[in-house]
Amino acid sequence: MDAGGNSGERRHEGDRRERGEDDGRRGRARSTSPLTFVLRSLAAIVVLVVVIVFAVRSTRPIYATRGTVGEELRKRAPAVAAAVAPPDSSDVDQLMATPKFQQEKRNFYEDVMRMKQVDSARADSIAQYAVREAYVRGISPAIIFGVMLTENSRFISHAMSNVGAVGLMQVYPKVWLNKEMTALFGKDLATDSTNVKYGVFILSQYFRPRDRLGQTKDRDWATALLRYNGCVNGTNTPRCHTYPSKVKNFVETQATSICNGRGFVDCIAKPFIHGLFGTPDPPKPAAAPPPTPSVPGPTSAK
């Protein structure tokens, strides 16, 4: 009896603890009102905004005190900067506003239109890019035109060769798309303006290479074009030693407006380009010897 009674009392006391005592000491859980939730959320947002504003105002980017890519290049490698960096844009803009530039652009435009591959708007833009870079780099528009026709006679922007060369002037990305070059010229070789910048720059390096002291020297047109083509032994491009003669033929037969009746050597000299940049007119290049397959091309444009 006592054992049973005690057991019953313990059950009743347990029931009280489970029901009454918990209810009395803890009470029921209170639900958060919608207004309180909204106010707390707004407060959290305000704090977050304050933290962000503080971080933006007080944090200085690691390169905030560094100059542009061109400035850094001029400080660390002035010889490279002189070869790669284009002249001041204001000087180029002045040149592009001259009647001479406009006439050269018109001549280039007419010869592109005569090929019947692109519409007038595209021909105008190609002429603008080509003659502008001709002035910047001191390369004859006739040579640029001849190289374009040899490399990509249909002017297809995204054209790609069997070795991966891209665009109007068939620039080889594995060689030329390095960090320094892309910072200055961009990386989309399928864009006409970018492709022409690379192509004409490459031509300038082969027509007027620099020695270890940074001095430039003129190279005959046939050798320069073989270097541009990357012709060494003809493994990738059979009969590549004929490349200079192909460019020459396109200039003589298709650059009607650009050359305006002048012969090939006279047409590619273009002394007015050097004169507009304030340097003495160079002598006209002598006729090049017949190109041979033994001329090396250590760095390929294609």
Protein backbone atom coordinates (compact mmCIF):
# COMPACT_ATOMS: atom_id res chain seq x y z
CA MET A 1 0.00 0.00 0.00
CA ASP A 2 2.66 2.51 1.07
CA ALA A 3 4.74 1.62 -1.93
CA GLY A 4 1.76 2.03 -4.20
CA GLY A 5 0.73 5.28 -2.52
CA ASN A 6 4.16 6.75 -2.77
CA SER A 7 4.30 5.75 -6.40
CA GLY A 8 1.05 7.50 -7.11
CA GLU A 9 2.16 10.64 -5.26
CA ARG A 10 5.39 10.67 -7.30
CA ARG A 11 3.38 10.43 -10.49
CA HIS A 12 1.18 13.35 -9.45
CA GLU A 13 4.17 15.42 -8.46
CA GLY A 14 5.80 14.60 -11.84
CA ASP A 15 2.64 15.63 -13.58
CA ARG A 16 2.74 18.94 -11.71
CA ARG A 17 6.35 19.49 -12.69
CA GLU A 18 5.58 18.76 -16.32
CA ARG A 19 2.50 20.97 -16.39
CA GLY A 20 2.04 23.42 -13.63
CA GLU A 21 5.51 24.18 -12.39
CA ASP A 22 6.92 24.71 -15.91
CA ASP A 23 4.01 26.93 -16.74
CA GLY A 24 4.49 28.91 -13.58
CA ARG A 25 8.26 29.44 -13.75
CA ARG A 26 8.85 29.79 -17.52
CA GLY A 27 5.57 30.88 -18.90
CA ARG A 28 4.64 30.58 -22.58
CA ALA A 29 7.09 31.46 -25.40
CA ARG A 30 6.48 34.94 -26.70
CA SER A 31 6.20 35.45 -30.47
CA THR A 32 8.01 38.40 -32.13
CA SER A 33 5.67 41.00 -33.51
CA PRO A 34 6.00 42.02 -37.21
CA LEU A 35 6.90 45.58 -36.20
CA THR A 36 9.77 44.39 -34.00
CA PHE A 37 11.10 42.16 -36.79
CA VAL A 38 11.03 45.04 -39.29
CA LEU A 39 12.78 47.41 -36.88
CA ARG A 40 15.51 44.86 -36.15
CA SER A 41 16.04 44.24 -39.87
CA LEU A 42 16.30 47.96 -40.59
CA ALA A 43 18.83 48.37 -37.80
CA ALA A 44 20.95 45.54 -39.23
CA ILE A 45 20.83 47.12 -42.69
CA VAL A 46 21.90 50.51 -41.33
CA VAL A 47 24.85 48.94 -39.50
CA LEU A 48 25.90 47.06 -42.65
CA VAL A 49 25.74 50.23 -44.78
CA VAL A 50 27.85 52.12 -42.23
CA VAL A 51 30.48 49.35 -42.28
CA ILE A 52 30.61 49.35 -46.10
CA VAL A 53 30.95 53.13 -46.32
CA PHE A 54 33.71 53.10 -43.75
CA ALA A 55 35.57 50.34 -45.57
CA VAL A 56 35.34 52.13 -48.94
CA ARG A 57 36.58 55.44 -47.53
CA SER A 58 39.37 54.08 -45.41
CA THR A 59 40.71 51.28 -47.66
CA ARG A 60 43.25 52.25 -50.33
CA PRO A 61 43.79 49.86 -53.27
CA ILE A 62 47.23 48.33 -53.44
CA TYR A 63 47.87 49.91 -56.84
CA ALA A 64 46.38 53.31 -56.05
CA THR A 65 49.77 54.98 -56.14
CA ARG A 66 51.00 53.13 -59.23
CA GLY A 67 50.99 54.72 -62.66
CA THR A 68 49.47 53.39 -65.84
CA VAL A 69 50.94 50.40 -67.64
CA GLY A 70 52.67 52.76 -70.03
CA GLU A 71 54.18 54.80 -67.19
CA GLU A 72 55.44 51.70 -65.40
CA LEU A 73 56.90 50.38 -68.65
CA ARG A 74 58.72 53.65 -69.29
CA LYS A 75 60.22 53.57 -65.78
CA ARG A 76 61.36 49.95 -65.82
CA ALA A 77 62.10 49.30 -69.50
CA PRO A 78 62.39 52.56 -71.45
CA ALA A 79 63.71 50.85 -74.57
CA VAL A 80 60.74 48.50 -74.69
CA ALA A 81 58.33 51.35 -73.99
CA ALA A 82 59.76 53.38 -76.86
CA ALA A 83 59.17 50.50 -79.24
CA VAL A 84 55.74 49.46 -78.00
CA ALA A 85 53.94 52.53 -76.67
CA PRO A 86 52.28 54.65 -79.38
CA PRO A 87 52.87 58.40 -79.65
CA ASP A 88 50.79 60.80 -77.62
CA SER A 89 47.14 60.54 -78.64
CA SER A 90 46.84 64.31 -79.12
CA ASP A 91 49.60 64.20 -81.75
CA VAL A 92 47.86 61.36 -83.55
CA ASP A 93 44.55 63.21 -83.42
CA GLN A 94 46.20 66.23 -85.01
CA LEU A 95 47.63 64.07 -87.78
CA MET A 96 44.27 62.42 -88.41
CA ALA A 97 42.71 65.86 -88.85
CA THR A 98 45.12 66.80 -91.65
CA PRO A 99 44.01 66.79 -95.30
CA LYS A 100 46.87 64.40 -96.06
CA PHE A 101 45.56 61.78 -93.64
CA GLN A 102 42.02 62.14 -94.97
CA GLN A 103 43.27 61.66 -98.53
CA GLU A 104 45.29 58.57 -97.53
CA LYS A 105 42.26 57.15 -95.75
CA ARG A 106 40.11 57.81 -98.82
CA ASN A 107 42.64 56.04 -101.05
CA PHE A 108 42.73 53.01 -98.75
CA TYR A 109 38.93 52.97 -98.58
CA GLU A 110 38.62 53.01 -102.37
CA ASP A 111 41.01 50.10 -102.78
CA VAL A 112 39.18 48.05 -100.13
CA MET A 113 35.82 48.77 -101.78
CA ARG A 114 37.25 47.75 -105.14
CA MET A 115 37.74 44.23 -103.76
CA LYS A 116 33.92 43.93 -103.35
CA GLN A 117 34.15 41.96 -100.10
CA VAL A 118 32.76 44.41 -97.51
CA ASP A 119 30.21 47.22 -97.39
CA SER A 120 31.13 50.89 -97.33
CA ALA A 121 30.88 51.26 -93.55
CA ARG A 122 33.25 48.38 -92.92
CA ALA A 123 35.64 49.58 -95.62
CA ASP A 124 35.70 53.01 -94.01
CA SER A 125 36.50 51.61 -90.57
CA ILE A 126 39.26 49.34 -91.92
CA ALA A 127 40.78 52.30 -93.75
CA GLN A 128 40.61 54.43 -90.60
CA TYR A 129 42.39 51.82 -88.48
CA ALA A 130 44.98 50.95 -91.13
CA VAL A 131 46.05 54.48 -92.04
CA ARG A 132 46.03 55.59 -88.41
CA GLU A 133 48.41 52.79 -87.43
CA ALA A 134 50.47 53.51 -90.55
CA TYR A 135 51.02 57.03 -89.21
CA VAL A 136 51.65 55.84 -85.66
CA ARG A 137 54.23 53.21 -86.66
CA GLY A 138 55.66 54.77 -89.80
CA ILE A 139 54.66 51.86 -92.04
CA SER A 140 53.41 52.41 -95.56
CA PRO A 141 49.63 51.98 -96.00
CA ALA A 142 50.49 50.11 -99.21
CA ILE A 143 52.39 47.44 -97.26
CA ILE A 144 49.53 47.12 -94.78
CA PHE A 145 47.04 46.75 -97.62
CA GLY A 146 49.19 44.17 -99.38
CA VAL A 147 49.62 42.13 -96.19
CA MET A 148 45.87 42.22 -95.53
CA LEU A 149 45.09 40.88 -98.99
CA THR A 150 47.75 38.20 -98.71
CA GLU A 151 46.60 37.09 -95.27
CA ASN A 152 42.83 37.57 -95.47
CA SER A 153 41.59 38.75 -98.86
CA ARG A 154 37.94 38.54 -97.80
CA PHE A 155 38.52 40.73 -94.72
CA ILE A 156 36.91 38.22 -92.34
CA SER A 157 37.44 39.45 -88.78
CA HIS A 158 37.24 36.07 -87.06
CA ALA A 159 39.18 34.14 -89.72
CA MET A 160 41.62 31.63 -88.22
CA SER A 161 44.47 29.85 -89.96
CA ASN A 162 45.45 26.21 -89.51
CA VAL A 163 48.09 27.28 -86.95
CA GLY A 164 45.73 29.58 -85.01
CA ALA A 165 46.51 33.02 -86.48
CA VAL A 166 43.51 35.34 -86.20
CA GLY A 167 41.85 38.26 -87.97
CA LEU A 168 42.52 40.76 -90.73
CA MET A 169 46.31 40.53 -90.46
CA GLN A 170 46.46 36.96 -89.11
CA VAL A 171 48.17 37.67 -85.80
CA TYR A 172 49.44 34.64 -83.89
CA PRO A 173 48.08 34.86 -80.30
CA LYS A 174 50.53 32.34 -78.81
CA VAL A 175 53.38 34.70 -79.62
CA TRP A 176 51.88 38.16 -79.25
CA LEU A 177 49.13 38.00 -76.62
CA ASN A 178 51.40 38.49 -73.63
CA LYS A 179 50.69 40.63 -70.57
CA GLU A 180 52.45 43.76 -71.77
CA MET A 181 50.96 43.72 -75.26
CA THR A 182 47.39 43.06 -74.17
CA ALA A 183 47.62 45.89 -71.63
CA LEU A 184 48.46 48.30 -74.45
CA PHE A 185 46.54 46.93 -77.42
CA GLY A 186 43.79 44.71 -75.97
CA LYS A 187 43.32 40.98 -76.42
CA ASP A 188 40.42 40.50 -78.85
CA LEU A 189 42.22 39.78 -82.10
CA ALA A 190 38.91 39.25 -83.89
CA THR A 191 38.19 42.98 -83.47
CA ASP A 192 39.47 44.90 -86.49
CA SER A 193 40.95 47.84 -84.58
CA THR A 194 42.85 45.57 -82.16
CA ASN A 195 44.05 43.24 -84.90
CA VAL A 196 45.38 46.09 -87.02
CA LYS A 197 47.23 47.58 -84.04
CA TYR A 198 49.03 44.28 -83.49
CA GLY A 199 49.65 43.63 -87.18
CA VAL A 200 51.14 47.04 -87.95
CA PHE A 201 53.20 47.00 -84.76
CA ILE A 202 54.65 43.61 -85.76
CA LEU A 203 55.45 44.94 -89.23
CA SER A 204 57.23 47.93 -87.71
CA GLN A 205 59.40 45.63 -85.58
CA TYR A 206 60.52 43.69 -88.65
CA PHE A 207 60.94 46.65 -91.00
CA ARG A 208 62.91 48.67 -88.43
CA PRO A 209 64.30 46.29 -85.80
CA ARG A 210 66.17 47.60 -82.76
CA ASP A 211 69.58 46.45 -81.66
CA ARG A 212 70.64 45.86 -78.05
CA LEU A 213 71.35 49.56 -77.61
CA GLY A 214 67.86 50.49 -78.73
CA GLN A 215 69.01 51.89 -82.09
CA THR A 216 66.79 51.21 -85.09
CA LYS A 217 67.95 50.09 -88.48
CA ASP A 218 66.10 49.68 -91.74
CA ARG A 219 65.65 46.22 -93.18
CA ASP A 220 64.82 45.40 -96.80
CA TRP A 221 61.15 44.84 -97.45
CA ALA A 222 61.45 41.21 -98.57
CA THR A 223 63.28 40.09 -95.43
CA ALA A 224 60.88 42.05 -93.23
CA LEU A 225 57.88 40.38 -94.85
CA LEU A 226 59.44 36.93 -94.50
CA ARG A 227 59.89 37.64 -90.79
CA TYR A 228 56.27 38.74 -90.53
CA ASN A 229 55.14 35.53 -92.18
CA GLY A 230 57.38 33.49 -89.89
CA CYS A 231 58.89 31.69 -92.84
CA VAL A 232 61.76 29.47 -91.68
CA ASN A 233 61.48 26.12 -93.39
CA GLY A 234 57.92 26.00 -94.71
CA THR A 235 56.73 23.26 -92.36
CA ASN A 236 53.42 24.97 -91.52
CA THR A 237 53.09 26.98 -94.74
CA PRO A 238 54.51 25.32 -97.85
CA ARG A 239 56.25 27.70 -100.28
CA CYS A 240 56.21 30.47 -97.69
CA HIS A 241 59.32 31.96 -99.32
CA THR A 242 56.99 33.36 -101.99
CA TYR A 243 55.21 35.51 -99.39
CA PRO A 244 57.03 38.80 -100.18
CA SER A 245 56.32 38.46 -103.90
CA LYS A 246 52.63 37.86 -103.15
CA VAL A 247 52.42 41.03 -101.07
CA LYS A 248 54.26 42.95 -103.79
CA ASN A 249 51.90 41.64 -106.46
CA PHE A 250 48.83 42.72 -104.47
CA VAL A 251 50.27 46.19 -103.99
CA GLU A 252 51.08 46.56 -107.68
CA THR A 253 47.74 45.23 -108.95
CA GLN A 254 45.21 46.20 -106.27
CA ALA A 255 46.53 49.31 -104.47
CA THR A 256 45.45 51.52 -107.35
CA SER A 257 44.38 54.52 -105.30
CA ILE A 258 47.01 54.11 -102.58
CA CYS A 259 49.93 54.07 -105.03
CA ASN A 260 48.31 56.39 -107.57
CA GLY A 261 50.46 55.32 -110.49
CA ARG A 262 53.75 54.96 -108.60
CA GLY A 263 55.85 51.84 -108.74
CA PHE A 264 56.11 49.45 -105.82
CA VAL A 265 59.33 50.85 -104.31
CA ASP A 266 58.14 54.45 -104.56
CA CYS A 267 54.75 53.49 -103.15
CA ILE A 268 56.03 51.72 -100.05
CA ALA A 269 58.58 54.44 -99.19
CA LYS A 270 55.94 56.99 -98.06
CA PRO A 271 58.39 59.60 -96.78
CA PHE A 272 55.53 61.95 -95.85
CA ILE A 273 54.76 59.73 -92.82
CA HIS A 274 58.18 60.37 -91.31
CA GLY A 275 57.94 64.05 -92.20
CA LEU A 276 54.64 64.48 -90.37
CA PHE A 277 56.24 63.06 -87.24
CA GLY A 278 59.02 65.61 -87.45
CA THR A 279 61.83 63.26 -88.48
CA PRO A 280 63.94 63.54 -91.63
CA ASP A 281 62.61 61.89 -94.74
CA PRO A 282 64.31 58.51 -95.15
CA PRO A 283 65.90 57.54 -98.45
CA LYS A 284 63.86 55.38 -100.72
CA PRO A 285 64.66 51.70 -100.13
CA ALA A 286 66.72 49.90 -102.70
CA ALA A 287 65.14 47.07 -104.58
CA ALA A 288 65.39 43.92 -102.50
CA PRO A 289 67.18 40.83 -103.75
CA PRO A 290 64.98 37.87 -104.67
CA PRO A 291 63.70 36.29 -101.44
CA THR A 292 65.09 32.90 -100.50
CA PRO A 293 63.73 30.27 -98.11
CA SER A 294 66.85 30.44 -95.97
CA VAL A 295 65.97 33.83 -94.46
CA PRO A 296 65.03 33.10 -90.83
CA GLY A 297 61.91 34.28 -89.08
CA PRO A 298 62.43 33.71 -85.35
CA THR A 299 59.16 35.25 -84.22
CA SER A 300 56.08 34.52 -86.24
CA ALA A 301 53.08 36.74 -86.83
CA LYS A 302 51.14 33.62 -87.67
